[in-house]
Amino acid sequence: MILAIVDDLMFTSKIRSAAARLGVTVAFARSSAGALSDMRASAPALVILDLNNARTDPIGTVAAMKADPALAGIPTIGFVSHVQTELIDAARDAGVGEVMARSAFTERLPEILSRET
């Protein structure tokens, strides 16, 4: 199972569609607290974060994951507008495993979902 902390309808739809085509299970969380609770209940193979969505506090979520030994090893991928270099740096500093532009994430989505199954 992959956990996507995404509140953007367009990206939610893209992830759902790609996952359905590949037969991959993706759960969605719309808040940091909900995501952390879901992860503690059942550790996902991957966490996908929309780094542009301040409502879901992606940087804080990753910091909380890294501080929790049970969650620290879960792989993370974050997507972000390529012009937001400060946010990209903050995500990397917080421990997001792979940070990519939104366009690259969309292009590589089938490969991203497939490698974690």
PDB file of N, CA and C in Angstrom:
ATOM      1  N   MET A   1       0.829  -1.177   0.000  1.00  0.00           N
ATOM      2  CA  MET A   1       0.000   0.000   0.000  1.00  0.00           C
ATOM      3  C   MET A   1       0.878   1.248   0.000  1.00  0.00           C
ATOM      4  N   ILE A   2       0.464   2.218  -0.792  1.00  0.00           N
ATOM      5  CA  ILE A   2       1.131   3.515  -0.869  1.00  0.00           C
ATOM      6  C   ILE A   2       0.210   4.543  -0.229  1.00  0.00           C
ATOM      7  N   LEU A   3       0.767   5.449   0.541  1.00  0.00           N
ATOM      8  CA  LEU A   3      -0.013   6.510   1.164  1.00  0.00           C
ATOM      9  C   LEU A   3       0.316   7.826   0.472  1.00  0.00           C
ATOM     10  N   ALA A   4      -0.698   8.496  -0.035  1.00  0.00           N
ATOM     11  CA  ALA A   4      -0.522   9.796  -0.683  1.00  0.00           C
ATOM     12  C   ALA A   4      -1.136  10.873   0.203  1.00  0.00           C
ATOM     13  N   ILE A   5      -0.314  11.827   0.605  1.00  0.00           N
ATOM     14  CA  ILE A   5      -0.796  12.954   1.404  1.00  0.00           C
ATOM     15  C   ILE A   5      -0.970  14.106   0.421  1.00  0.00           C
ATOM     16  N   VAL A   6      -2.111  14.079  -0.218  1.00  0.00           N
ATOM     17  CA  VAL A   6      -2.393  14.967  -1.339  1.00  0.00           C
ATOM     18  C   VAL A   6      -3.812  15.494  -1.179  1.00  0.00           C
ATOM     19  N   ASP A   7      -3.978  16.793  -1.328  1.00  0.00           N
ATOM     20  CA  ASP A   7      -5.293  17.410  -1.208  1.00  0.00           C
ATOM     21  C   ASP A   7      -5.703  18.091  -2.514  1.00  0.00           C
ATOM     22  N   ASP A   8      -4.873  17.995  -3.535  1.00  0.00           N
ATOM     23  CA  ASP A   8      -5.128  18.607  -4.834  1.00  0.00           C
ATOM     24  C   ASP A   8      -5.931  17.626  -5.682  1.00  0.00           C
ATOM     25  N   LEU A   9      -7.116  18.041  -6.127  1.00  0.00           N
ATOM     26  CA  LEU A   9      -8.010  17.157  -6.870  1.00  0.00           C
ATOM     27  C   LEU A   9      -7.375  16.613  -8.144  1.00  0.00           C
ATOM     28  N   MET A  10      -6.636  17.452  -8.858  1.00  0.00           N
ATOM     29  CA  MET A  10      -6.015  17.012 -10.102  1.00  0.00           C
ATOM     30  C   MET A  10      -4.985  15.907  -9.842  1.00  0.00           C
ATOM     31  N   PHE A  11      -4.127  16.102  -8.852  1.00  0.00           N
ATOM     32  CA  PHE A  11      -3.113  15.090  -8.567  1.00  0.00           C
ATOM     33  C   PHE A  11      -3.727  13.844  -7.935  1.00  0.00           C
ATOM     34  N   THR A  12      -4.754  14.022  -7.122  1.00  0.00           N
ATOM     35  CA  THR A  12      -5.454  12.860  -6.566  1.00  0.00           C
ATOM     36  C   THR A  12      -6.005  12.006  -7.693  1.00  0.00           C
ATOM     37  N   SER A  13      -6.617  12.641  -8.673  1.00  0.00           N
ATOM     38  CA  SER A  13      -7.184  11.928  -9.818  1.00  0.00           C
ATOM     39  C   SER A  13      -6.100  11.220 -10.626  1.00  0.00           C
ATOM     40  N   LYS A  14      -4.988  11.901 -10.871  1.00  0.00           N
ATOM     41  CA  LYS A  14      -3.883  11.288 -11.624  1.00  0.00           C
ATOM     42  C   LYS A  14      -3.339  10.064 -10.898  1.00  0.00           C
ATOM     43  N   ILE A  15      -3.154  10.184  -9.597  1.00  0.00           N
ATOM     44  CA  ILE A  15      -2.618   9.064  -8.817  1.00  0.00           C
ATOM     45  C   ILE A  15      -3.609   7.907  -8.806  1.00  0.00           C
ATOM     46  N   ARG A  16      -4.893   8.201  -8.570  1.00  0.00           N
ATOM     47  CA  ARG A  16      -5.927   7.148  -8.565  1.00  0.00           C
ATOM     48  C   ARG A  16      -5.981   6.412  -9.900  1.00  0.00           C
ATOM     49  N   SER A  17      -5.976   7.160 -10.992  1.00  0.00           N
ATOM     50  CA  SER A  17      -6.063   6.559 -12.325  1.00  0.00           C
ATOM     51  C   SER A  17      -4.861   5.670 -12.618  1.00  0.00           C
ATOM     52  N   ALA A  18      -3.676   6.173 -12.337  1.00  0.00           N
ATOM     53  CA  ALA A  18      -2.464   5.385 -12.588  1.00  0.00           C
ATOM     54  C   ALA A  18      -2.443   4.140 -11.706  1.00  0.00           C
ATOM     55  N   ALA A  19      -2.831   4.281 -10.456  1.00  0.00           N
ATOM     56  CA  ALA A  19      -2.850   3.136  -9.535  1.00  0.00           C
ATOM     57  C   ALA A  19      -3.851   2.085 -10.001  1.00  0.00           C
ATOM     58  N   ALA A  20      -5.018   2.513 -10.465  1.00  0.00           N
ATOM     59  CA  ALA A  20      -6.034   1.569 -10.941  1.00  0.00           C
ATOM     60  C   ALA A  20      -5.523   0.800 -12.155  1.00  0.00           C
ATOM     61  N   ARG A  21      -4.868   1.492 -13.080  1.00  0.00           N
ATOM     62  CA  ARG A  21      -4.313   0.821 -14.269  1.00  0.00           C
ATOM     63  C   ARG A  21      -3.262  -0.214 -13.890  1.00  0.00           C
ATOM     64  N   LEU A  22      -2.509   0.073 -12.833  1.00  0.00           N
ATOM     65  CA  LEU A  22      -1.413  -0.807 -12.420  1.00  0.00           C
ATOM     66  C   LEU A  22      -1.832  -1.838 -11.375  1.00  0.00           C
ATOM     67  N   GLY A  23      -3.030  -1.709 -10.847  1.00  0.00           N
ATOM     68  CA  GLY A  23      -3.478  -2.616  -9.792  1.00  0.00           C
ATOM     69  C   GLY A  23      -2.783  -2.379  -8.466  1.00  0.00           C
ATOM     70  N   VAL A  24      -2.412  -1.131  -8.214  1.00  0.00           N
ATOM     71  CA  VAL A  24      -1.696  -0.750  -6.999  1.00  0.00           C
ATOM     72  C   VAL A  24      -2.683  -0.094  -6.030  1.00  0.00           C
ATOM     73  N   THR A  25      -2.567  -0.440  -4.760  1.00  0.00           N
ATOM     74  CA  THR A  25      -3.427   0.155  -3.741  1.00  0.00           C
ATOM     75  C   THR A  25      -2.805   1.446  -3.229  1.00  0.00           C
ATOM     76  N   VAL A  26      -3.573   2.527  -3.324  1.00  0.00           N
ATOM     77  CA  VAL A  26      -3.137   3.819  -2.799  1.00  0.00           C
ATOM     78  C   VAL A  26      -4.217   4.334  -1.859  1.00  0.00           C
ATOM     79  N   ALA A  27      -3.807   4.686  -0.649  1.00  0.00           N
ATOM     80  CA  ALA A  27      -4.704   5.330   0.311  1.00  0.00           C
ATOM     81  C   ALA A  27      -4.361   6.812   0.325  1.00  0.00           C
ATOM     82  N   PHE A  28      -5.345   7.639   0.630  1.00  0.00           N
ATOM     83  CA  PHE A  28      -5.138   9.082   0.646  1.00  0.00           C
ATOM     84  C   PHE A  28      -5.395   9.633   2.039  1.00  0.00           C
ATOM     85  N   ALA A  29      -4.539  10.563   2.453  1.00  0.00           N
ATOM     86  CA  ALA A  29      -4.716  11.281   3.715  1.00  0.00           C
ATOM     87  C   ALA A  29      -4.747  12.762   3.382  1.00  0.00           C
ATOM     88  N   ARG A  30      -5.573  13.502   4.092  1.00  0.00           N
ATOM     89  CA  ARG A  30      -5.703  14.928   3.810  1.00  0.00           C
ATOM     90  C   ARG A  30      -5.174  15.803   4.936  1.00  0.00           C
ATOM     91  N   SER A  31      -4.530  15.171   5.914  1.00  0.00           N
ATOM     92  CA  SER A  31      -3.934  15.946   7.003  1.00  0.00           C
ATOM     93  C   SER A  31      -2.708  15.206   7.510  1.00  0.00           C
ATOM     94  N   SER A  32      -1.836  15.936   8.147  1.00  0.00           N
ATOM     95  CA  SER A  32      -0.641  15.339   8.726  1.00  0.00           C
ATOM     96  C   SER A  32      -1.013  14.347   9.822  1.00  0.00           C
ATOM     97  N   ALA A  33      -1.931  14.749  10.702  1.00  0.00           N
ATOM     98  CA  ALA A  33      -2.335  13.871  11.808  1.00  0.00           C
ATOM     99  C   ALA A  33      -2.955  12.585  11.284  1.00  0.00           C
ATOM    100  N   GLY A  34      -3.814  12.699  10.285  1.00  0.00           N
ATOM    101  CA  GLY A  34      -4.433  11.512   9.695  1.00  0.00           C
ATOM    102  C   GLY A  34      -3.406  10.610   9.038  1.00  0.00           C
ATOM    103  N   ALA A  35      -2.455  11.213   8.347  1.00  0.00           N
ATOM    104  CA  ALA A  35      -1.416  10.435   7.680  1.00  0.00           C
ATOM    105  C   ALA A  35      -0.550   9.688   8.688  1.00  0.00           C
ATOM    106  N   LEU A  36      -0.128  10.379   9.737  1.00  0.00           N
ATOM    107  CA  LEU A  36       0.718   9.738  10.747  1.00  0.00           C
ATOM    108  C   LEU A  36      -0.035   8.611  11.450  1.00  0.00           C
ATOM    109  N   SER A  37      -1.299   8.815  11.716  1.00  0.00           N
ATOM    110  CA  SER A  37      -2.127   7.771  12.322  1.00  0.00           C
ATOM    111  C   SER A  37      -2.235   6.562  11.396  1.00  0.00           C
ATOM    112  N   ASP A  38      -2.481   6.820  10.113  1.00  0.00           N
ATOM    113  CA  ASP A  38      -2.563   5.731   9.131  1.00  0.00           C
ATOM    114  C   ASP A  38      -1.247   4.965   9.051  1.00  0.00           C
ATOM    115  N   MET A  39      -0.129   5.683   9.060  1.00  0.00           N
ATOM    116  CA  MET A  39       1.188   5.038   8.973  1.00  0.00           C
ATOM    117  C   MET A  39       1.464   4.166  10.188  1.00  0.00           C
ATOM    118  N   ARG A  40       1.058   4.630  11.353  1.00  0.00           N
ATOM    119  CA  ARG A  40       1.287   3.845  12.571  1.00  0.00           C
ATOM    120  C   ARG A  40       0.411   2.594  12.592  1.00  0.00           C
ATOM    121  N   ALA A  41      -0.770   2.677  11.996  1.00  0.00           N
ATOM    122  CA  ALA A  41      -1.673   1.527  11.947  1.00  0.00           C
ATOM    123  C   ALA A  41      -1.184   0.479  10.956  1.00  0.00           C
ATOM    124  N   SER A  42      -0.632   0.930   9.838  1.00  0.00           N
ATOM    125  CA  SER A  42      -0.151   0.018   8.797  1.00  0.00           C
ATOM    126  C   SER A  42       0.884   0.752   7.960  1.00  0.00           C
ATOM    127  N   ALA A  43       2.137   0.393   8.132  1.00  0.00           N
ATOM    128  CA  ALA A  43       3.222   1.103   7.447  1.00  0.00           C
ATOM    129  C   ALA A  43       3.109   0.935   5.932  1.00  0.00           C
ATOM    130  N   PRO A  44       3.061   2.042   5.202  1.00  0.00           N
ATOM    131  CA  PRO A  44       2.992   1.960   3.742  1.00  0.00           C
ATOM    132  C   PRO A  44       4.363   1.653   3.139  1.00  0.00           C
ATOM    133  N   ALA A  45       4.356   1.209   1.894  1.00  0.00           N
ATOM    134  CA  ALA A  45       5.604   0.962   1.175  1.00  0.00           C
ATOM    135  C   ALA A  45       6.245   2.273   0.731  1.00  0.00           C
ATOM    136  N   LEU A  46       5.425   3.320   0.613  1.00  0.00           N
ATOM    137  CA  LEU A  46       5.880   4.620   0.132  1.00  0.00           C
ATOM    138  C   LEU A  46       4.895   5.683   0.595  1.00  0.00           C
ATOM    139  N   VAL A  47       5.411   6.868   0.886  1.00  0.00           N
ATOM    140  CA  VAL A  47       4.562   8.027   1.172  1.00  0.00           C
ATOM    141  C   VAL A  47       4.845   9.078   0.099  1.00  0.00           C
ATOM    142  N   ILE A  48       3.776   9.523  -0.560  1.00  0.00           N
ATOM    143  CA  ILE A  48       3.856  10.577  -1.569  1.00  0.00           C
ATOM    144  C   ILE A  48       3.325  11.860  -0.939  1.00  0.00           C
ATOM    145  N   LEU A  49       4.078  12.951  -1.097  1.00  0.00           N
ATOM    146  CA  LEU A  49       3.692  14.231  -0.496  1.00  0.00           C
ATOM    147  C   LEU A  49       3.602  15.331  -1.541  1.00  0.00           C
ATOM    148  N   ASP A  50       2.526  16.098  -1.490  1.00  0.00           N
ATOM    149  CA  ASP A  50       2.406  17.318  -2.283  1.00  0.00           C
ATOM    150  C   ASP A  50       3.048  18.419  -1.448  1.00  0.00           C
ATOM    151  N   LEU A  51       4.263  18.775  -1.797  1.00  0.00           N
ATOM    152  CA  LEU A  51       5.020  19.735  -0.999  1.00  0.00           C
ATOM    153  C   LEU A  51       4.470  21.153  -1.097  1.00  0.00           C
ATOM    154  N   ASN A  52       3.647  21.430  -2.105  1.00  0.00           N
ATOM    155  CA  ASN A  52       3.056  22.756  -2.260  1.00  0.00           C
ATOM    156  C   ASN A  52       1.839  22.968  -1.377  1.00  0.00           C
ATOM    157  N   ASN A  53       1.353  21.938  -0.727  1.00  0.00           N
ATOM    158  CA  ASN A  53       0.120  22.054   0.039  1.00  0.00           C
ATOM    159  C   ASN A  53       0.422  22.294   1.514  1.00  0.00           C
ATOM    160  N   ALA A  54       0.399  23.554   1.913  1.00  0.00           N
ATOM    161  CA  ALA A  54       0.701  23.916   3.301  1.00  0.00           C
ATOM    162  C   ALA A  54      -0.327  23.359   4.280  1.00  0.00           C
ATOM    163  N   ARG A  55      -1.571  23.131   3.821  1.00  0.00           N
ATOM    164  CA  ARG A  55      -2.617  22.607   4.720  1.00  0.00           C
ATOM    165  C   ARG A  55      -2.261  21.230   5.272  1.00  0.00           C
ATOM    166  N   THR A  56      -1.518  20.437   4.507  1.00  0.00           N
ATOM    167  CA  THR A  56      -1.166  19.092   4.976  1.00  0.00           C
ATOM    168  C   THR A  56       0.184  19.062   5.682  1.00  0.00           C
ATOM    169  N   ASP A  57       0.861  20.205   5.769  1.00  0.00           N
ATOM    170  CA  ASP A  57       2.144  20.336   6.466  1.00  0.00           C
ATOM    171  C   ASP A  57       3.121  19.226   6.085  1.00  0.00           C
ATOM    172  N   PRO A  58       3.493  19.126   4.806  1.00  0.00           N
ATOM    173  CA  PRO A  58       4.360  18.030   4.380  1.00  0.00           C
ATOM    174  C   PRO A  58       5.730  18.012   5.061  1.00  0.00           C
ATOM    175  N   ILE A  59       6.311  19.177   5.294  1.00  0.00           N
ATOM    176  CA  ILE A  59       7.631  19.227   5.937  1.00  0.00           C
ATOM    177  C   ILE A  59       7.511  18.746   7.383  1.00  0.00           C
ATOM    178  N   GLY A  60       6.492  19.197   8.087  1.00  0.00           N
ATOM    179  CA  GLY A  60       6.259  18.747   9.460  1.00  0.00           C
ATOM    180  C   GLY A  60       5.949  17.265   9.534  1.00  0.00           C
ATOM    181  N   THR A  61       5.229  16.764   8.548  1.00  0.00           N
ATOM    182  CA  THR A  61       4.904  15.333   8.509  1.00  0.00           C
ATOM    183  C   THR A  61       6.170  14.502   8.378  1.00  0.00           C
ATOM    184  N   VAL A  62       7.042  14.905   7.467  1.00  0.00           N
ATOM    185  CA  VAL A  62       8.294  14.158   7.280  1.00  0.00           C
ATOM    186  C   VAL A  62       9.171  14.271   8.520  1.00  0.00           C
ATOM    187  N   ALA A  63       9.226  15.439   9.133  1.00  0.00           N
ATOM    188  CA  ALA A  63      10.009  15.599  10.367  1.00  0.00           C
ATOM    189  C   ALA A  63       9.479  14.668  11.453  1.00  0.00           C
ATOM    190  N   ALA A  64       8.154  14.564  11.577  1.00  0.00           N
ATOM    191  CA  ALA A  64       7.556  13.652  12.566  1.00  0.00           C
ATOM    192  C   ALA A  64       7.869  12.202  12.227  1.00  0.00           C
ATOM    193  N   MET A  65       7.851  11.870  10.941  1.00  0.00           N
ATOM    194  CA  MET A  65       8.202  10.502  10.528  1.00  0.00           C
ATOM    195  C   MET A  65       9.643  10.179  10.912  1.00  0.00           C
ATOM    196  N   LYS A  66      10.557  11.092  10.626  1.00  0.00           N
ATOM    197  CA  LYS A  66      11.977  10.852  10.893  1.00  0.00           C
ATOM    198  C   LYS A  66      12.258  10.765  12.392  1.00  0.00           C
ATOM    199  N   ALA A  67      11.430  11.417  13.206  1.00  0.00           N
ATOM    200  CA  ALA A  67      11.610  11.384  14.663  1.00  0.00           C
ATOM    201  C   ALA A  67      11.031  10.120  15.294  1.00  0.00           C
ATOM    202  N   ASP A  68      10.245   9.368  14.547  1.00  0.00           N
ATOM    203  CA  ASP A  68       9.596   8.153  15.050  1.00  0.00           C
ATOM    204  C   ASP A  68      10.306   6.934  14.469  1.00  0.00           C
ATOM    205  N   PRO A  69      11.006   6.150  15.294  1.00  0.00           N
ATOM    206  CA  PRO A  69      11.752   5.005  14.773  1.00  0.00           C
ATOM    207  C   PRO A  69      10.906   4.033  13.943  1.00  0.00           C
ATOM    208  N   ALA A  70       9.625   3.911  14.250  1.00  0.00           N
ATOM    209  CA  ALA A  70       8.758   2.996  13.503  1.00  0.00           C
ATOM    210  C   ALA A  70       8.438   3.521  12.105  1.00  0.00           C
ATOM    211  N   LEU A  71       8.576   4.825  11.898  1.00  0.00           N
ATOM    212  CA  LEU A  71       8.216   5.431  10.614  1.00  0.00           C
ATOM    213  C   LEU A  71       9.421   5.959   9.837  1.00  0.00           C
ATOM    214  N   ALA A  72      10.550   6.089  10.494  1.00  0.00           N
ATOM    215  CA  ALA A  72      11.717   6.754   9.902  1.00  0.00           C
ATOM    216  C   ALA A  72      12.208   6.102   8.617  1.00  0.00           C
ATOM    217  N   GLY A  73      12.018   4.807   8.472  1.00  0.00           N
ATOM    218  CA  GLY A  73      12.536   4.107   7.298  1.00  0.00           C
ATOM    219  C   GLY A  73      11.591   4.054   6.114  1.00  0.00           C
ATOM    220  N   ILE A  74      10.404   4.620   6.240  1.00  0.00           N
ATOM    221  CA  ILE A  74       9.443   4.588   5.136  1.00  0.00           C
ATOM    222  C   ILE A  74       9.923   5.541   4.039  1.00  0.00           C
ATOM    223  N   PRO A  75      10.042   5.056   2.802  1.00  0.00           N
ATOM    224  CA  PRO A  75      10.489   5.928   1.709  1.00  0.00           C
ATOM    225  C   PRO A  75       9.474   7.041   1.425  1.00  0.00           C
ATOM    226  N   THR A  76       9.987   8.202   1.028  1.00  0.00           N
ATOM    227  CA  THR A  76       9.134   9.348   0.725  1.00  0.00           C
ATOM    228  C   THR A  76       9.514   9.964  -0.616  1.00  0.00           C
ATOM    229  N   ILE A  77       8.491  10.420  -1.319  1.00  0.00           N
ATOM    230  CA  ILE A  77       8.678  11.184  -2.551  1.00  0.00           C
ATOM    231  C   ILE A  77       7.789  12.409  -2.442  1.00  0.00           C
ATOM    232  N   GLY A  78       8.364  13.567  -2.720  1.00  0.00           N
ATOM    233  CA  GLY A  78       7.594  14.799  -2.710  1.00  0.00           C
ATOM    234  C   GLY A  78       7.646  15.471  -4.062  1.00  0.00           C
ATOM    235  N   PHE A  79       6.531  16.053  -4.458  1.00  0.00           N
ATOM    236  CA  PHE A  79       6.519  16.816  -5.705  1.00  0.00           C
ATOM    237  C   PHE A  79       6.191  18.266  -5.399  1.00  0.00           C
ATOM    238  N   VAL A  80       6.776  19.163  -6.210  1.00  0.00           N
ATOM    239  CA  VAL A  80       6.742  20.589  -5.903  1.00  0.00           C
ATOM    240  C   VAL A  80       6.923  21.389  -7.192  1.00  0.00           C
ATOM    241  N   SER A  81       6.458  22.615  -7.191  1.00  0.00           N
ATOM    242  CA  SER A  81       6.720  23.518  -8.306  1.00  0.00           C
ATOM    243  C   SER A  81       8.232  23.735  -8.402  1.00  0.00           C
ATOM    244  N   HIS A  82       8.777  23.564  -9.583  1.00  0.00           N
ATOM    245  CA  HIS A  82      10.233  23.618  -9.749  1.00  0.00           C
ATOM    246  C   HIS A  82      10.838  24.983  -9.423  1.00  0.00           C
ATOM    247  N   VAL A  83      10.034  26.021  -9.375  1.00  0.00           N
ATOM    248  CA  VAL A  83      10.574  27.353  -9.085  1.00  0.00           C
ATOM    249  C   VAL A  83      10.687  27.635  -7.587  1.00  0.00           C
ATOM    250  N   GLN A  84      10.163  26.759  -6.759  1.00  0.00           N
ATOM    251  CA  GLN A  84      10.184  26.980  -5.308  1.00  0.00           C
ATOM    252  C   GLN A  84      11.420  26.331  -4.682  1.00  0.00           C
ATOM    253  N   THR A  85      12.565  26.920  -4.967  1.00  0.00           N
ATOM    254  CA  THR A  85      13.829  26.332  -4.533  1.00  0.00           C
ATOM    255  C   THR A  85      13.969  26.280  -3.013  1.00  0.00           C
ATOM    256  N   GLU A  86      13.426  27.258  -2.302  1.00  0.00           N
ATOM    257  CA  GLU A  86      13.508  27.228  -0.837  1.00  0.00           C
ATOM    258  C   GLU A  86      12.720  26.048  -0.275  1.00  0.00           C
ATOM    259  N   LEU A  87      11.557  25.780  -0.853  1.00  0.00           N
ATOM    260  CA  LEU A  87      10.742  24.646  -0.420  1.00  0.00           C
ATOM    261  C   LEU A  87      11.421  23.323  -0.770  1.00  0.00           C
ATOM    262  N   ILE A  88      12.047  23.272  -1.929  1.00  0.00           N
ATOM    263  CA  ILE A  88      12.797  22.075  -2.325  1.00  0.00           C
ATOM    264  C   ILE A  88      13.912  21.811  -1.318  1.00  0.00           C
ATOM    265  N   ASP A  89      14.662  22.848  -0.970  1.00  0.00           N
ATOM    266  CA  ASP A  89      15.748  22.698   0.010  1.00  0.00           C
ATOM    267  C   ASP A  89      15.207  22.282   1.376  1.00  0.00           C
ATOM    268  N   ALA A  90      14.091  22.882   1.803  1.00  0.00           N
ATOM    269  CA  ALA A  90      13.493  22.541   3.100  1.00  0.00           C
ATOM    270  C   ALA A  90      13.042  21.083   3.119  1.00  0.00           C
ATOM    271  N   ALA A  91      12.486  20.614   2.020  1.00  0.00           N
ATOM    272  CA  ALA A  91      12.039  19.216   1.942  1.00  0.00           C
ATOM    273  C   ALA A  91      13.225  18.266   2.046  1.00  0.00           C
ATOM    274  N   ARG A  92      14.276  18.580   1.344  1.00  0.00           N
ATOM    275  CA  ARG A  92      15.480  17.734   1.410  1.00  0.00           C
ATOM    276  C   ARG A  92      16.078  17.761   2.814  1.00  0.00           C
ATOM    277  N   ASP A  93      16.133  18.944   3.418  1.00  0.00           N
ATOM    278  CA  ASP A  93      16.660  19.067   4.778  1.00  0.00           C
ATOM    279  C   ASP A  93      15.813  18.288   5.784  1.00  0.00           C
ATOM    280  N   ALA A  94      14.500  18.242   5.557  1.00  0.00           N
ATOM    281  CA  ALA A  94      13.596  17.512   6.464  1.00  0.00           C
ATOM    282  C   ALA A  94      13.722  16.004   6.303  1.00  0.00           C
ATOM    283  N   GLY A  95      14.271  15.575   5.169  1.00  0.00           N
ATOM    284  CA  GLY A  95      14.467  14.145   4.967  1.00  0.00           C
ATOM    285  C   GLY A  95      13.612  13.506   3.896  1.00  0.00           C
ATOM    286  N   VAL A  96      12.947  14.317   3.054  1.00  0.00           N
ATOM    287  CA  VAL A  96      12.194  13.730   1.941  1.00  0.00           C
ATOM    288  C   VAL A  96      13.201  13.020   1.041  1.00  0.00           C
ATOM    289  N   GLY A  97      12.955  11.749   0.781  1.00  0.00           N
ATOM    290  CA  GLY A  97      13.914  10.925   0.056  1.00  0.00           C
ATOM    291  C   GLY A  97      14.154  11.353  -1.373  1.00  0.00           C
ATOM    292  N   GLU A  98      13.092  11.727  -2.058  1.00  0.00           N
ATOM    293  CA  GLU A  98      13.205  12.143  -3.450  1.00  0.00           C
ATOM    294  C   GLU A  98      12.264  13.323  -3.665  1.00  0.00           C
ATOM    295  N   VAL A  99      12.814  14.412  -4.173  1.00  0.00           N
ATOM    296  CA  VAL A  99      12.025  15.615  -4.443  1.00  0.00           C
ATOM    297  C   VAL A  99      12.078  15.862  -5.941  1.00  0.00           C
ATOM    298  N   MET A 100      10.898  16.046  -6.547  1.00  0.00           N
ATOM    299  CA  MET A 100      10.870  16.261  -7.991  1.00  0.00           C
ATOM    300  C   MET A 100       9.834  17.309  -8.367  1.00  0.00           C
ATOM    301  N   ALA A 101      10.028  17.865  -9.546  1.00  0.00           N
ATOM    302  CA  ALA A 101       9.071  18.831 -10.076  1.00  0.00           C
ATOM    303  C   ALA A 101       7.731  18.142 -10.311  1.00  0.00           C
ATOM    304  N   ARG A 102       6.666  18.920 -10.240  1.00  0.00           N
ATOM    305  CA  ARG A 102       5.323  18.378 -10.446  1.00  0.00           C
ATOM    306  C   ARG A 102       5.217  17.687 -11.805  1.00  0.00           C
ATOM    307  N   SER A 103       5.802  18.285 -12.832  1.00  0.00           N
ATOM    308  CA  SER A 103       5.731  17.698 -14.175  1.00  0.00           C
ATOM    309  C   SER A 103       6.476  16.368 -14.237  1.00  0.00           C
ATOM    310  N   ALA A 104       7.624  16.286 -13.590  1.00  0.00           N
ATOM    311  CA  ALA A 104       8.387  15.034 -13.564  1.00  0.00           C
ATOM    312  C   ALA A 104       7.629  13.958 -12.792  1.00  0.00           C
ATOM    313  N   PHE A 105       6.976  14.348 -11.710  1.00  0.00           N
ATOM    314  CA  PHE A 105       6.187  13.394 -10.933  1.00  0.00           C
ATOM    315  C   PHE A 105       5.077  12.806 -11.798  1.00  0.00           C
ATOM    316  N   THR A 106       4.363  13.668 -12.506  1.00  0.00           N
ATOM    317  CA  THR A 106       3.278  13.202 -13.374  1.00  0.00           C
ATOM    318  C   THR A 106       3.815  12.265 -14.448  1.00  0.00           C
ATOM    319  N   GLU A 107       4.914  12.637 -15.056  1.00  0.00           N
ATOM    320  CA  GLU A 107       5.512  11.831 -16.120  1.00  0.00           C
ATOM    321  C   GLU A 107       5.983  10.473 -15.601  1.00  0.00           C
ATOM    322  N   ARG A 108       6.534  10.444 -14.412  1.00  0.00           N
ATOM    323  CA  ARG A 108       7.112   9.216 -13.858  1.00  0.00           C
ATOM    324  C   ARG A 108       6.159   8.442 -12.954  1.00  0.00           C
ATOM    325  N   LEU A 109       4.921   8.910 -12.822  1.00  0.00           N
ATOM    326  CA  LEU A 109       3.980   8.311 -11.881  1.00  0.00           C
ATOM    327  C   LEU A 109       3.820   6.798 -12.040  1.00  0.00           C
ATOM    328  N   PRO A 110       3.622   6.262 -13.244  1.00  0.00           N
ATOM    329  CA  PRO A 110       3.494   4.799 -13.352  1.00  0.00           C
ATOM    330  C   PRO A 110       4.730   4.057 -12.822  1.00  0.00           C
ATOM    331  N   GLU A 111       5.904   4.584 -13.122  1.00  0.00           N
ATOM    332  CA  GLU A 111       7.146   3.954 -12.647  1.00  0.00           C
ATOM    333  C   GLU A 111       7.262   4.063 -11.127  1.00  0.00           C
ATOM    334  N   ILE A 112       6.889   5.211 -10.573  1.00  0.00           N
ATOM    335  CA  ILE A 112       6.944   5.414  -9.122  1.00  0.00           C
ATOM    336  C   ILE A 112       6.022   4.432  -8.412  1.00  0.00           C
ATOM    337  N   LEU A 113       4.804   4.311  -8.894  1.00  0.00           N
ATOM    338  CA  LEU A 113       3.840   3.407  -8.261  1.00  0.00           C
ATOM    339  C   LEU A 113       4.241   1.948  -8.437  1.00  0.00           C
ATOM    340  N   SER A 114       4.819   1.611  -9.567  1.00  0.00           N
ATOM    341  CA  SER A 114       5.198   0.217  -9.851  1.00  0.00           C
ATOM    342  C   SER A 114       6.377  -0.255  -9.022  1.00  0.00           C
ATOM    343  N   ARG A 115       7.319   0.626  -8.766  1.00  0.00           N
ATOM    344  CA  ARG A 115       8.530   0.179  -8.066  1.00  0.00           C
ATOM    345  C   ARG A 115       8.284  -0.094  -6.593  1.00  0.00           C
ATOM    346  N   GLU A 116       7.179   0.374  -6.065  1.00  0.00           N
ATOM    347  CA  GLU A 116       6.901   0.192  -4.639  1.00  0.00           C
ATOM    348  C   GLU A 116       5.908  -0.933  -4.374  1.00  0.00           C
ATOM    349  N   THR A 117       5.630  -1.755  -5.374  1.00  0.00           N
ATOM    350  CA  THR A 117       4.676  -2.849  -5.157  1.00  0.00           C
ATOM    351  C   THR A 117       5.388  -4.164  -4.991  1.00  0.00           C
TER     352      THR A 117
END
